[in-house]
Protein backbone atom coordinates (compact mmCIF):
# COMPACT_ATOMS: atom_id res chain seq x y z
CA MET A 1 -25.86 7.11 20.70
CA THR A 2 -22.90 8.18 22.81
CA ASP A 3 -22.92 4.85 24.66
CA LEU A 4 -22.46 2.83 21.51
CA LYS A 5 -19.28 0.88 21.01
CA LYS A 6 -16.81 2.41 18.58
CA LEU A 7 -16.37 0.87 15.16
CA PRO A 8 -12.90 -0.70 14.74
CA ILE A 9 -11.87 0.87 11.43
CA GLY A 10 -8.47 -0.54 10.54
CA ILE A 11 -7.84 -1.93 14.05
CA GLU A 12 -6.41 -5.44 13.91
CA SER A 13 -5.40 -5.82 17.56
CA PHE A 14 -7.80 -7.94 19.59
CA SER A 15 -6.52 -6.48 22.87
CA GLU A 16 -7.02 -2.93 21.65
CA ILE A 17 -10.58 -3.70 20.54
CA GLN A 18 -11.49 -5.32 23.86
CA SER A 19 -9.83 -2.75 26.10
CA ASN A 20 -11.10 0.35 24.27
CA ASN A 21 -14.80 -0.46 23.87
CA TYR A 22 -14.80 -1.27 20.17
CA TYR A 23 -17.47 -3.40 18.56
CA TYR A 24 -16.29 -6.99 18.20
CA VAL A 25 -17.93 -9.74 16.19
CA ASP A 26 -17.21 -12.82 18.29
CA LYS A 27 -15.04 -15.28 16.38
CA THR A 28 -13.59 -17.02 19.44
CA LYS A 29 -15.21 -20.33 18.51
CA LEU A 30 -12.26 -20.52 16.12
CA ILE A 31 -10.10 -21.36 19.15
CA GLU A 32 -12.30 -24.30 20.08
CA MET A 33 -12.39 -25.51 16.48
CA LEU A 34 -8.62 -25.21 16.14
CA LEU A 35 -8.03 -27.36 19.22
CA ASP A 36 -10.67 -29.87 18.12
CA HIS A 37 -8.95 -30.23 14.72
CA PRO A 38 -5.33 -30.57 15.79
CA GLY A 39 -2.77 -29.93 13.10
CA LYS A 40 0.89 -29.17 13.60
CA VAL A 41 0.77 -26.47 10.94
CA ASN A 42 -2.52 -24.85 9.91
CA LEU A 43 -2.79 -22.50 6.93
CA PHE A 44 -5.91 -20.36 6.42
CA THR A 45 -6.19 -18.72 3.00
CA ARG A 46 -8.73 -15.94 2.55
CA PRO A 47 -9.01 -12.73 0.50
CA ARG A 48 -7.72 -9.50 2.01
CA ARG A 49 -9.86 -7.64 4.57
CA PHE A 50 -11.71 -10.71 5.78
CA GLY A 51 -10.41 -10.72 9.35
CA LYS A 52 -7.24 -12.82 9.06
CA SER A 53 -5.07 -10.41 11.04
CA LEU A 54 -7.64 -9.89 13.78
CA ASN A 55 -8.05 -13.65 14.21
CA ILE A 56 -4.29 -14.08 14.51
CA SER A 57 -4.25 -11.34 17.15
CA MET A 58 -7.14 -13.03 18.97
CA LEU A 59 -5.25 -16.34 19.07
CA HIS A 60 -2.17 -14.51 20.34
CA SER A 61 -4.14 -12.85 23.14
CA PHE A 62 -5.77 -16.12 24.16
CA PHE A 63 -2.79 -18.47 24.33
CA GLU A 64 0.12 -16.30 25.45
CA ILE A 65 1.45 -16.59 28.99
CA GLY A 66 0.69 -13.41 30.92
CA THR A 67 -2.38 -12.47 28.92
CA ASN A 68 -5.32 -10.64 30.48
CA PRO A 69 -8.02 -13.33 30.71
CA THR A 70 -10.79 -10.77 31.21
CA GLN A 71 -10.49 -9.88 27.50
CA PHE A 72 -12.51 -13.02 26.81
CA ASP A 73 -15.25 -12.46 29.40
CA GLY A 74 -18.67 -12.87 27.81
CA LEU A 75 -17.30 -14.27 24.56
CA TYR A 76 -18.13 -17.71 23.22
CA VAL A 77 -14.89 -19.38 24.29
CA SER A 78 -15.34 -18.31 27.92
CA LYS A 79 -18.26 -20.75 28.20
CA ASN A 80 -15.85 -23.65 27.70
CA LYS A 81 -14.30 -23.62 31.18
CA SER A 82 -12.21 -26.74 30.68
CA LEU A 83 -10.64 -25.37 27.51
CA CYS A 84 -9.89 -22.02 29.16
CA ASP A 85 -8.35 -23.70 32.21
CA ASN A 86 -6.01 -25.71 30.00
CA TYR A 87 -5.13 -23.18 27.30
CA LEU A 88 -5.97 -19.58 28.23
CA GLY A 89 -2.65 -17.87 29.00
CA GLN A 90 -0.80 -21.18 29.14
CA TYR A 91 1.71 -21.08 26.24
CA PRO A 92 4.61 -19.02 24.96
CA VAL A 93 3.66 -17.45 21.61
CA ILE A 94 5.73 -16.11 18.73
CA ALA A 95 3.59 -13.85 16.54
CA ILE A 96 4.74 -11.96 13.44
CA SER A 97 3.05 -10.26 10.53
CA LEU A 98 4.71 -10.19 7.11
CA LYS A 99 2.18 -7.89 5.44
CA GLY A 100 4.63 -4.99 5.56
CA VAL A 101 7.46 -6.74 3.69
CA ASP A 102 7.05 -4.57 0.61
CA GLU A 103 10.33 -3.30 -0.85
CA ASN A 104 11.80 -2.56 -4.26
CA ASN A 105 14.74 -4.95 -3.96
CA PHE A 106 15.78 -8.06 -2.09
CA GLU A 107 18.31 -6.31 0.15
CA ASN A 108 15.72 -3.91 1.55
CA ALA A 109 13.13 -6.68 1.89
CA TYR A 110 15.69 -8.79 3.75
CA ALA A 111 16.40 -5.90 6.13
CA LEU A 112 12.69 -5.38 6.75
CA LEU A 113 12.15 -9.07 7.49
CA GLU A 114 15.14 -8.96 9.83
CA ASN A 115 13.55 -6.00 11.66
CA ILE A 116 10.29 -7.92 12.09
CA ILE A 117 12.09 -10.90 13.62
CA ARG A 118 14.24 -8.68 15.85
CA GLU A 119 11.20 -6.74 17.08
CA GLU A 120 9.48 -9.98 18.06
CA ALA A 121 12.62 -11.31 19.76
CA ASN A 122 12.85 -8.07 21.75
CA ARG A 123 9.61 -8.98 23.54
CA PHE A 124 11.44 -11.80 25.32
CA GLN A 125 14.45 -10.01 26.82
CA PHE A 126 13.81 -11.82 30.11
CA LEU A 127 15.57 -14.73 28.41
CA MET A 128 18.89 -12.98 29.12
CA ASP A 129 18.28 -13.50 32.82
CA SER A 130 16.78 -16.97 32.59
CA PRO A 131 18.53 -19.53 34.82
CA LYS A 132 17.37 -22.25 32.46
CA LEU A 133 19.43 -20.96 29.55
CA SER A 134 23.14 -21.58 29.13
CA SER A 135 25.63 -18.90 28.15
CA ILE A 136 25.62 -20.37 24.64
CA ASP A 137 21.82 -20.05 24.54
CA LYS A 138 22.04 -16.42 25.60
CA THR A 139 24.66 -15.72 22.95
CA SER A 140 22.30 -17.22 20.36
CA TYR A 141 19.53 -14.99 21.66
CA GLU A 142 21.76 -11.91 21.39
CA ARG A 143 22.29 -12.69 17.72
CA LEU A 144 18.53 -12.40 17.22
CA LEU A 145 18.68 -8.86 18.63
CA SER A 146 21.60 -7.72 16.51
CA TYR A 147 21.50 -5.61 13.38
CA GLY A 148 22.92 -6.96 10.14
CA MET A 149 21.79 -10.51 10.89
CA GLU A 150 23.66 -13.11 8.86
CA ARG A 151 21.63 -15.21 6.42
CA SER A 152 22.11 -18.35 8.51
CA THR A 153 20.93 -16.55 11.65
CA LEU A 154 17.80 -15.17 9.98
CA SER A 155 16.98 -18.53 8.39
CA PHE A 156 16.96 -20.22 11.82
CA ALA A 157 15.58 -17.24 13.76
CA LEU A 158 12.05 -18.53 14.43
CA ARG A 159 13.28 -22.02 15.21
CA GLN A 160 15.98 -20.66 17.53
CA LEU A 161 13.57 -18.37 19.36
CA SER A 162 11.05 -21.19 19.85
CA GLN A 163 13.76 -23.46 21.29
CA LEU A 164 14.88 -20.77 23.76
CA LEU A 165 11.30 -20.13 24.90
CA TYR A 166 10.74 -23.87 25.28
CA LYS A 167 13.81 -24.17 27.51
CA HIS A 168 12.73 -21.23 29.65
CA TYR A 169 9.08 -22.18 30.12
CA GLY A 170 9.27 -25.96 29.72
CA LYS A 171 6.29 -25.66 27.40
CA GLU A 172 6.00 -26.01 23.65
CA VAL A 173 5.63 -22.80 21.65
CA ILE A 174 2.78 -21.61 19.43
CA ILE A 175 3.90 -19.80 16.26
CA LEU A 176 1.52 -17.39 14.51
CA ILE A 177 2.42 -15.90 11.11
CA ASP A 178 0.06 -13.45 9.46
CA GLU A 179 0.11 -12.84 5.67
CA TYR A 180 2.95 -15.29 5.09
CA ASP A 181 2.77 -14.91 1.30
CA VAL A 182 3.00 -11.09 1.05
CA PRO A 183 6.84 -11.13 0.71
CA LEU A 184 6.48 -13.56 -2.22
CA ALA A 185 3.79 -11.46 -3.91
CA LYS A 186 5.82 -8.26 -3.61
CA ALA A 187 9.02 -10.00 -4.69
CA ASN A 188 7.29 -11.29 -7.80
CA GLU A 189 6.07 -7.78 -8.66
CA ARG A 190 9.54 -6.27 -8.22
CA GLY A 191 11.85 -8.87 -9.73
CA TYR A 192 13.55 -10.66 -6.83
CA TYR A 193 11.21 -13.59 -6.54
CA ASP A 194 13.69 -16.48 -6.57
CA ASP A 195 15.79 -14.95 -3.78
CA MET A 196 12.73 -14.42 -1.59
CA VAL A 197 11.40 -17.94 -2.22
CA LEU A 198 14.68 -19.43 -0.99
CA LEU A 199 14.72 -17.21 2.09
CA MET A 200 11.12 -18.06 3.01
CA GLN A 201 11.75 -21.77 2.43
CA ASN A 202 14.53 -21.65 4.98
CA LEU A 203 12.81 -19.37 7.51
CA LEU A 204 9.49 -21.24 7.56
CA GLY A 205 10.90 -24.68 6.88
CA ASN A 206 13.29 -24.53 9.82
CA ALA A 207 10.57 -23.23 12.15
CA LEU A 208 7.81 -25.63 11.15
CA LYS A 209 9.52 -28.90 10.21
CA THR A 210 10.81 -31.33 12.84
CA ASN A 211 10.80 -28.60 15.49
CA ASN A 212 10.38 -30.37 18.84
CA SER A 213 9.72 -27.03 20.51
CA LEU A 214 6.61 -26.38 18.43
CA LYS A 215 3.12 -26.92 19.88
CA PHE A 216 1.40 -25.87 16.67
CA ALA A 217 1.50 -23.07 14.12
CA VAL A 218 -1.17 -20.98 12.42
CA LEU A 219 -0.46 -19.11 9.20
CA THR A 220 -2.68 -16.88 7.09
CA GLY A 221 -2.40 -15.67 3.52
CA CYS A 222 -4.30 -15.08 0.30
CA LEU A 223 -2.85 -18.01 -1.66
CA ARG A 224 -1.55 -21.49 -0.93
CA ILE A 225 1.98 -21.66 -2.30
CA ALA A 226 2.59 -25.38 -1.95
CA LYS A 227 4.38 -25.69 -5.30
CA GLU A 228 7.14 -23.46 -3.99
CA SER A 229 8.18 -26.29 -1.63
CA ILE A 230 8.04 -23.88 1.28
CA PHE A 231 6.09 -26.45 3.25
CA THR A 232 7.67 -29.58 1.81
CA GLY A 233 8.22 -32.31 4.37
CA LEU A 234 5.59 -31.23 6.88
CA ASN A 235 3.93 -34.36 8.22
CA ASN A 236 0.85 -32.68 9.63
CA PHE A 237 0.13 -29.72 7.38
CA LYS A 238 -3.50 -28.67 6.98
CA VAL A 239 -4.78 -26.08 4.54
CA TYR A 240 -8.17 -24.46 5.04
CA SER A 241 -9.00 -22.51 1.92
CA ILE A 242 -12.23 -20.81 0.85
CA THR A 243 -13.41 -24.15 -0.54
CA ASN A 244 -13.16 -25.99 2.80
CA VAL A 245 -16.16 -26.48 5.07
CA ASP A 246 -14.08 -26.48 8.27
CA PHE A 247 -13.69 -22.97 9.73
CA ASP A 248 -15.92 -21.55 7.00
CA GLU A 249 -17.75 -19.02 9.17
CA TYR A 250 -14.79 -17.57 11.10
CA PHE A 251 -13.47 -15.27 8.36
CA GLY A 252 -16.02 -12.74 7.17
CA PHE A 253 -19.38 -11.81 8.69
CA THR A 254 -22.39 -14.11 8.48
CA ASP A 255 -25.84 -12.73 7.67
CA LYS A 256 -26.85 -13.07 11.33
CA GLU A 257 -23.78 -11.12 12.45
CA VAL A 258 -24.50 -8.33 9.96
CA ARG A 259 -28.14 -8.08 11.06
CA THR A 260 -27.03 -7.87 14.69
CA MET A 261 -24.53 -5.10 13.91
CA LEU A 262 -27.03 -3.06 11.90
CA GLN A 263 -29.61 -3.37 14.69
CA TYR A 264 -27.04 -2.35 17.30
CA TYR A 265 -26.22 0.85 15.43
CA GLY A 266 -29.85 1.70 14.70
CA LEU A 267 -29.61 0.93 11.01
CA MET A 268 -32.12 -1.91 11.14
CA GLU A 269 -35.30 -2.46 13.14
CA PRO A 270 -35.74 -5.65 15.22
CA ASP A 271 -38.46 -6.80 12.83
CA GLY A 272 -35.85 -6.93 10.09
CA GLN A 273 -37.17 -4.04 8.03
CA SER A 274 -34.30 -1.97 6.72
CA ASP A 275 -33.21 -0.35 3.49
CA HIS A 276 -29.70 -0.42 4.94
CA TYR A 277 -29.77 -4.20 5.19
CA ASP A 278 -30.90 -4.54 1.58
CA THR A 279 -28.13 -2.18 0.46
CA VAL A 280 -25.42 -3.88 2.49
CA LYS A 281 -26.50 -7.29 1.20
CA GLU A 282 -26.53 -6.14 -2.43
CA TRP A 283 -23.17 -4.40 -2.22
CA TYR A 284 -21.08 -6.50 0.18
CA ASP A 285 -22.59 -9.99 0.55
CA GLY A 286 -22.27 -12.86 -1.88
CA TYR A 287 -19.02 -14.55 -0.87
CA ARG A 288 -19.19 -18.27 -0.20
CA PHE A 289 -16.58 -19.91 2.01
CA GLY A 290 -17.20 -23.64 2.38
CA ASN A 291 -20.93 -23.94 3.09
CA VAL A 292 -21.43 -20.44 4.48
CA ASP A 293 -22.37 -17.19 2.75
CA VAL A 294 -20.40 -14.26 4.17
CA TYR A 295 -20.01 -10.51 3.86
CA CYS A 296 -16.76 -8.61 3.64
CA PRO A 297 -16.18 -7.23 7.20
CA TRP A 298 -14.22 -4.21 6.00
CA ASP A 299 -17.16 -3.10 3.87
CA VAL A 300 -19.82 -3.60 6.53
CA ILE A 301 -17.86 -1.74 9.21
CA ASN A 302 -17.08 1.20 6.93
CA TYR A 303 -20.69 1.36 5.75
CA CYS A 304 -21.90 1.59 9.35
CA ARG A 305 -19.31 4.27 10.13
CA ASP A 306 -20.34 6.43 7.19
CA HIS A 307 -24.06 6.16 7.94
CA LEU A 308 -23.69 6.96 11.61
CA SER A 309 -22.10 10.29 10.64
CA ASP A 310 -24.26 10.92 7.56
CA SER A 311 -27.62 9.18 7.24
CA ALA A 312 -27.78 10.12 3.56
CA ALA A 313 -24.37 8.66 2.69
CA THR A 314 -24.25 6.48 -0.39
CA PRO A 315 -22.55 3.06 -0.38
CA ARG A 316 -18.96 3.02 -1.59
CA ASN A 317 -16.41 0.58 -2.94
CA TYR A 318 -14.52 0.22 0.34
CA TRP A 319 -12.84 -3.15 -0.27
CA ILE A 320 -11.91 -2.43 -3.86
CA ASN A 321 -10.24 0.83 -2.87
CA THR A 322 -7.84 -0.78 -0.36
CA SER A 323 -5.44 -2.03 -3.04
CA GLY A 324 -4.74 -2.08 -6.72
CA ASN A 325 -6.88 -4.18 -9.01
CA GLU A 326 -4.25 -5.33 -11.47
CA ILE A 327 -5.70 -8.84 -11.61
CA VAL A 328 -9.04 -7.49 -12.94
CA ASN A 329 -7.30 -5.41 -15.59
CA ARG A 330 -5.24 -8.40 -16.69
CA PHE A 331 -8.36 -10.56 -16.80
CA ILE A 332 -10.35 -8.24 -19.05
CA ASP A 333 -7.32 -7.56 -21.23
CA CYS A 334 -7.43 -11.29 -22.07
CA LEU A 335 -10.32 -10.43 -24.43
CA ASP A 336 -7.75 -9.20 -26.94
CA GLN A 337 -5.35 -12.13 -26.65
CA LYS A 338 -4.65 -14.18 -29.75
CA ASP A 339 -3.17 -17.10 -27.78
CA VAL A 340 -6.02 -19.50 -27.02
CA ASP A 341 -4.52 -20.33 -23.58
CA LYS A 342 -4.66 -16.68 -22.61
CA LYS A 343 -7.93 -15.64 -24.26
CA LEU A 344 -11.11 -14.71 -22.40
CA THR A 345 -14.29 -15.09 -24.43
CA GLN A 346 -16.72 -12.19 -24.64
CA THR A 347 -19.56 -14.54 -23.77
CA GLU A 348 -17.90 -15.49 -20.47
CA LEU A 349 -17.44 -11.87 -19.49
CA GLU A 350 -21.01 -11.02 -20.42
CA LEU A 351 -22.30 -13.87 -18.28
CA LEU A 352 -20.30 -12.63 -15.28
CA VAL A 353 -21.37 -8.98 -15.43
CA SER A 354 -24.98 -10.08 -15.91
CA GLY A 355 -24.92 -11.96 -12.62
CA GLU A 356 -24.62 -15.45 -14.02
CA SER A 357 -21.92 -18.06 -13.45
CA VAL A 358 -19.17 -19.65 -15.52
CA GLN A 359 -17.98 -23.20 -14.89
CA LYS A 360 -14.22 -23.41 -14.37
CA LYS A 361 -11.65 -25.82 -12.96
CA ILE A 362 -9.74 -24.18 -10.11
CA CYS A 363 -6.10 -24.73 -9.21
CA GLU A 364 -5.45 -23.79 -5.58
CA GLU A 365 -1.68 -24.32 -5.70
CA LEU A 366 -0.32 -21.67 -8.04
CA THR A 367 3.03 -19.97 -7.71
CA TYR A 368 3.14 -16.21 -8.01
CA LYS A 369 5.13 -16.58 -11.21
CA GLU A 370 2.24 -18.56 -12.71
CA LEU A 371 -0.63 -16.18 -11.88
CA TYR A 372 -0.84 -14.61 -15.33
CA ASP A 373 0.57 -17.45 -17.43
CA SER A 374 -2.86 -18.47 -18.70
CA VAL A 375 -6.45 -17.32 -18.46
CA ASP A 376 -7.20 -20.49 -16.45
CA ASN A 377 -4.70 -19.36 -13.83
CA ILE A 378 -6.27 -15.91 -13.78
CA TRP A 379 -9.70 -17.47 -13.17
CA SER A 380 -8.22 -19.35 -10.20
CA THR A 381 -6.54 -16.22 -8.83
CA LEU A 382 -9.71 -14.16 -9.12
CA PHE A 383 -11.54 -16.87 -7.18
CA MET A 384 -8.98 -17.17 -4.38
CA THR A 385 -8.55 -13.43 -3.94
CA GLY A 386 -12.26 -12.61 -3.68
CA TYR A 387 -13.08 -11.08 -7.05
CA LEU A 388 -15.12 -14.18 -7.91
CA THR A 389 -16.94 -16.60 -5.66
CA SER A 390 -18.47 -20.05 -5.92
CA ARG A 391 -22.14 -20.66 -6.66
CA GLY A 392 -21.70 -24.42 -6.45
CA GLN A 393 -19.49 -27.19 -7.76
CA SER A 394 -19.74 -30.38 -9.75
CA ASP A 395 -17.59 -33.37 -10.63
CA SER A 396 -16.63 -33.51 -14.27
CA VAL A 397 -16.00 -36.60 -16.36
CA ASP A 398 -12.26 -36.22 -15.95
CA GLY A 399 -12.54 -36.52 -12.18
CA GLU A 400 -11.65 -32.88 -11.56
CA CYS A 401 -13.78 -30.58 -9.48
CA TYR A 402 -15.33 -27.67 -11.35
CA TYR A 403 -16.77 -24.57 -9.69
CA GLU A 404 -19.59 -22.30 -10.84
CA LEU A 405 -17.84 -18.93 -10.57
CA ALA A 406 -19.70 -15.63 -10.29
CA ILE A 407 -19.14 -12.02 -9.29
CA PRO A 408 -20.12 -11.89 -5.60
CA ASN A 409 -21.76 -8.49 -5.29
CA ARG A 410 -22.27 -5.02 -6.66
CA GLU A 411 -18.97 -3.67 -5.33
CA VAL A 412 -16.91 -6.15 -7.33
CA ARG A 413 -19.21 -5.77 -10.32
CA ASN A 414 -18.43 -2.05 -10.25
CA ILE A 415 -14.71 -2.57 -10.73
CA VAL A 416 -15.32 -4.99 -13.61
CA THR A 417 -17.79 -2.74 -15.45
CA ASN A 418 -15.63 0.34 -14.80
CA ARG A 419 -12.71 -1.41 -16.47
CA ILE A 420 -14.93 -2.37 -19.40
CA LEU A 421 -16.09 1.23 -19.74
CA SER A 422 -12.49 2.43 -19.53
CA LEU A 423 -11.50 0.16 -22.42
CA PHE A 424 -14.58 1.32 -24.34
CA LYS A 425 -13.51 4.95 -23.93
CA GLU A 426 -10.02 4.11 -25.16
CA ASN A 427 -11.50 2.55 -28.30
CA VAL A 428 -13.91 5.46 -28.82
CA LYS A 429 -11.02 7.92 -28.60
CA LYS A 430 -9.44 6.24 -31.63
CA ASP A 431 -12.65 6.62 -33.64
CA GLY A 432 -13.05 10.38 -33.92
CA GLU A 433 -15.06 10.21 -37.13
CA MET A 434 -17.82 8.09 -35.61
CA VAL A 435 -17.89 10.31 -32.49
CA ASP A 436 -18.50 13.32 -34.72
CA GLN A 437 -21.21 11.48 -36.65
CA PHE A 438 -22.99 10.47 -33.44
CA CYS A 439 -22.85 13.94 -31.93
CA ASP A 440 -23.88 15.60 -35.18
CA ALA A 441 -26.91 13.30 -35.30
CA LEU A 442 -27.81 14.28 -31.73
CA TYR A 443 -27.44 17.99 -32.47
CA GLU A 444 -29.35 17.83 -35.76
CA GLY A 445 -32.26 15.93 -34.19
CA LYS A 446 -31.89 12.65 -36.11
CA PRO A 447 -32.98 9.93 -33.63
CA GLU A 448 -32.83 7.11 -36.22
CA LEU A 449 -29.18 7.85 -36.95
CA VAL A 450 -28.40 8.21 -33.22
CA GLU A 451 -29.96 4.78 -32.69
CA GLN A 452 -28.00 3.22 -35.56
CA ILE A 453 -24.60 4.54 -34.47
CA PHE A 454 -25.14 3.74 -30.78
CA CYS A 455 -26.07 0.16 -31.68
CA GLU A 456 -22.86 -0.10 -33.69
CA TYR A 457 -20.90 1.06 -30.66
CA MET A 458 -22.64 -1.42 -28.37
CA LYS A 459 -21.66 -4.28 -30.65
CA LYS A 460 -18.05 -3.44 -29.82
CA THR A 461 -18.46 -3.98 -26.08
CA ILE A 462 -20.23 -6.43 -23.79
CA SER A 463 -23.92 -6.54 -23.05
CA VAL A 464 -25.41 -6.33 -19.57
CA ARG A 465 -28.65 -7.92 -18.46
CA ASP A 466 -30.74 -7.14 -15.43
CA THR A 467 -30.24 -10.43 -13.60
CA PHE A 468 -27.72 -9.21 -11.04
CA VAL A 469 -29.09 -6.07 -9.50
CA ARG A 470 -31.92 -3.58 -9.72
CA LYS A 471 -32.69 -1.95 -13.08
CA PRO A 472 -31.23 1.48 -12.36
CA LEU A 473 -27.83 -0.15 -11.96
CA THR A 474 -28.07 -1.72 -15.39
CA GLU A 475 -29.13 1.64 -16.77
CA ASN A 476 -25.96 3.09 -15.30
CA PHE A 477 -23.88 0.88 -17.57
CA TYR A 478 -25.48 2.22 -20.74
CA HIS A 479 -25.33 5.68 -19.25
CA GLY A 480 -21.57 5.13 -18.96
CA LEU A 481 -21.29 4.05 -22.60
CA LEU A 482 -22.98 7.27 -23.72
CA LEU A 483 -20.71 9.36 -21.54
CA GLY A 484 -17.72 7.54 -23.03
CA ILE A 485 -18.74 8.69 -26.51
CA LEU A 486 -19.77 12.23 -25.57
CA SER A 487 -16.64 12.96 -23.52
CA TYR A 488 -14.53 13.32 -26.66
CA LYS A 489 -16.70 15.87 -28.48
CA SER A 490 -14.90 19.19 -28.62
CA GLY A 491 -16.92 22.22 -27.52
CA TRP A 492 -19.53 20.17 -25.64
CA THR A 493 -20.00 20.43 -21.87
CA VAL A 494 -21.55 17.19 -20.65
CA ARG A 495 -23.19 17.08 -17.21
CA SER A 496 -24.02 13.68 -15.68
CA ASN A 497 -26.67 13.20 -12.99
CA ARG A 498 -27.00 16.96 -12.62
CA GLU A 499 -29.67 18.22 -10.24
CA THR A 500 -32.26 20.18 -12.17
CA GLY A 501 -35.99 20.79 -11.87
CA ASN A 502 -37.35 18.21 -9.44
CA GLY A 503 -34.70 15.56 -9.76
CA TYR A 504 -31.44 14.42 -11.33
CA CYS A 505 -31.19 14.20 -15.10
CA ASP A 506 -29.04 11.46 -16.64
CA ILE A 507 -27.23 13.67 -19.16
CA LEU A 508 -27.37 17.40 -19.95
CA ILE A 509 -25.32 18.87 -22.80
CA LEU A 510 -24.37 22.52 -23.29
CA ILE A 511 -22.85 23.36 -26.66
CA ASP A 512 -20.44 26.28 -27.22
CA ASN A 513 -21.80 29.14 -29.34
CA SER A 514 -25.15 27.42 -29.71
CA ASN A 515 -28.68 28.19 -28.68
CA THR A 516 -29.49 24.47 -28.43
CA GLY A 517 -29.33 22.21 -25.37
CA ILE A 518 -29.67 18.41 -25.21
CA ILE A 519 -31.32 16.26 -22.52
CA ILE A 520 -30.84 12.47 -22.48
CA GLU A 521 -32.68 10.07 -20.18
CA VAL A 522 -31.58 6.42 -20.33
CA LYS A 523 -33.79 3.41 -19.55
CA TYR A 524 -33.17 -0.32 -19.50
CA SER A 525 -35.78 -2.73 -20.82
CA ASP A 526 -35.99 -6.36 -19.72
CA ASN A 527 -38.16 -7.19 -22.74
CA ASN A 528 -38.41 -6.14 -26.35
CA ASN A 529 -40.75 -3.19 -25.72
CA LEU A 530 -38.00 -0.60 -26.09
CA LYS A 531 -40.29 2.08 -27.50
CA TYR A 532 -42.46 2.00 -24.36
CA LYS A 533 -39.36 2.67 -22.25
CA CYS A 534 -38.41 5.57 -24.51
CA HIS A 535 -41.81 7.15 -23.93
CA GLU A 536 -41.35 6.57 -20.20
CA ALA A 537 -38.01 8.39 -20.35
CA LEU A 538 -39.51 11.35 -22.23
CA GLN A 539 -42.37 11.55 -19.74
CA GLN A 540 -39.85 11.63 -16.89
CA ILE A 541 -38.04 14.55 -18.53
CA ALA A 542 -41.33 16.44 -18.65
CA ASP A 543 -42.61 15.48 -15.20
CA MET A 544 -39.33 16.28 -13.45
CA GLU A 545 -38.94 19.56 -15.39
CA TYR A 546 -35.34 18.82 -16.40
CA ALA A 547 -35.55 21.61 -19.00
CA ASN A 548 -35.39 24.18 -16.18
CA PHE A 549 -31.60 23.92 -16.33
CA PHE A 550 -31.52 25.35 -19.84
CA GLU A 551 -34.00 28.09 -19.04
CA GLN A 552 -31.54 29.33 -16.41
CA GLN A 553 -28.76 29.20 -19.03
CA GLY A 554 -30.73 31.21 -21.58
CA VAL A 555 -30.92 28.30 -24.03
CA GLN A 556 -33.93 28.51 -26.36
CA TYR A 557 -34.04 25.20 -28.25
CA ILE A 558 -34.06 21.89 -26.39
CA LEU A 559 -33.70 18.40 -27.79
CA LYS A 560 -35.14 15.77 -25.43
CA TYR A 561 -33.98 12.19 -26.06
CA GLY A 562 -35.40 9.06 -24.51
CA ILE A 563 -33.00 6.17 -25.05
CA ALA A 564 -33.92 2.61 -24.10
CA CYS A 565 -31.39 -0.24 -24.17
CA ARG A 566 -31.50 -4.01 -23.98
CA ARG A 567 -28.31 -6.00 -24.40
CA LYS A 568 -26.92 -4.64 -27.69
CA GLU A 569 -30.15 -3.13 -28.94
CA CYS A 570 -31.51 0.35 -28.41
CA CYS A 571 -34.38 2.61 -29.36
CA VAL A 572 -34.19 6.40 -29.53
CA LEU A 573 -37.12 8.84 -29.52
CA LEU A 574 -36.93 12.62 -29.73
CA GLN A 575 -39.07 15.51 -28.54
CA THR A 576 -38.17 19.13 -29.23
CA CYS A 577 -39.29 22.30 -27.58
CA LYS A 578 -38.62 26.02 -27.75
CA ILE A 579 -38.37 28.09 -24.62
CA PRO A 580 -40.15 31.42 -25.15
CA ASN A 581 -38.16 34.60 -24.63
């Protein structure tokens, strides 16, 4: 195992990956595709953590004069000798990332953007000694290195730098800009949006429009911001979004690439048999870009890392945990909207969390100011940022293209259901009387009343069907609803998935100053035979000896509940026992 390549957790530098023996999923065919589909300005929009930054770094390493060509030995692009002879290490390259432009006000964001430009300009200090540049050219270059750059200087910085490099090398310049829309997103969040839009219009417009020094440009981002007029006037501007077939497999991991990685790290046998593969597919697959199904690379790499160090590690929400999920919260909050343009129907949400699709018209050209203006815009944003994916499309009678939108995988489903459960708990908290009635019924051994009250609670939230994932995962949702109710009962200690006897019990309840303990086992039924599932739950309590927990606590009376759920229906059965002294 010591000879295995290292996993590139958080490493976005192609050169670092290649020079330090990190595992690399070969995406160099992107270079060939890019040159076969010539566009002056090329924008790739993809959700976060799908390899945009690494691809930009790979392009930088390939094209820039002075690069180490051995970095590409053995990779796909190296087989195309003619292309490598003509392009590998043959062009000056300007490469910047705007993902760090995240400040509380415009002045600080301006200074940060200025620093990014100055840092890139610093890489070319040989220009000061270039015999091909005039004294005026060198003075212009010095301005790009200065602090406190004037607005006019910053606005023309990329254009100016490309012109200087063109004069020095006699070759057109390639411009690479990663996460071009991050400054706009952060500006919108913090209240200086209009100022940032104007600055970006000038910076990008001057660099990309009518620039005779430009060979071509590649930009990446999450959203296409065409309505902002940032790219107005570009004659050869191509956008490759998640709906486009071109370049569909070069952001994200394909199924073949995931299988190869799992086999390499010993997490999958050559014959394809692997619980790890099934888990990775369930949790992190499901995205559709163009005509290709892809996995989230960040998730797959982190999963492999965790399981190499701990074979018993459970899958985690890696992608979800890399940023806030405000868009999901806003989406679900639309359930309570009175305005029809901003309202999400309960049926639509139920379809999504049950693994089915909802047909929606998608707008790919939103401004950041418009993201939350309507529920339709939120649907579009969820789609473009990776919280929803396409399961197909159709042409409607109005000539617009509609997409069948669905939650891509278990990881994203988790964040949606967790938000639903969070809202459920907030509502339960306001209803102290019903909480007391439910808990009293549990304590007094009244299964019919427990069933009645729990059904009433379920009518207040969404239903979940077992069409998305395995049954235990659906059971977890109803398990969460019960915990949401029980968490507000004073004097009750509620244990969830506590190890006891020969397994893990769903819910164990200790009650202050009481000689009674409560065991709850939850089952999901995919048919109407709820009572059978209740008996199955009670049998599991007995077989796994969950009551051992209370014996150790000195509890004498035990109430064993089997609760079976289906959509917004439930059945509750009770068994009681007394532990002898």
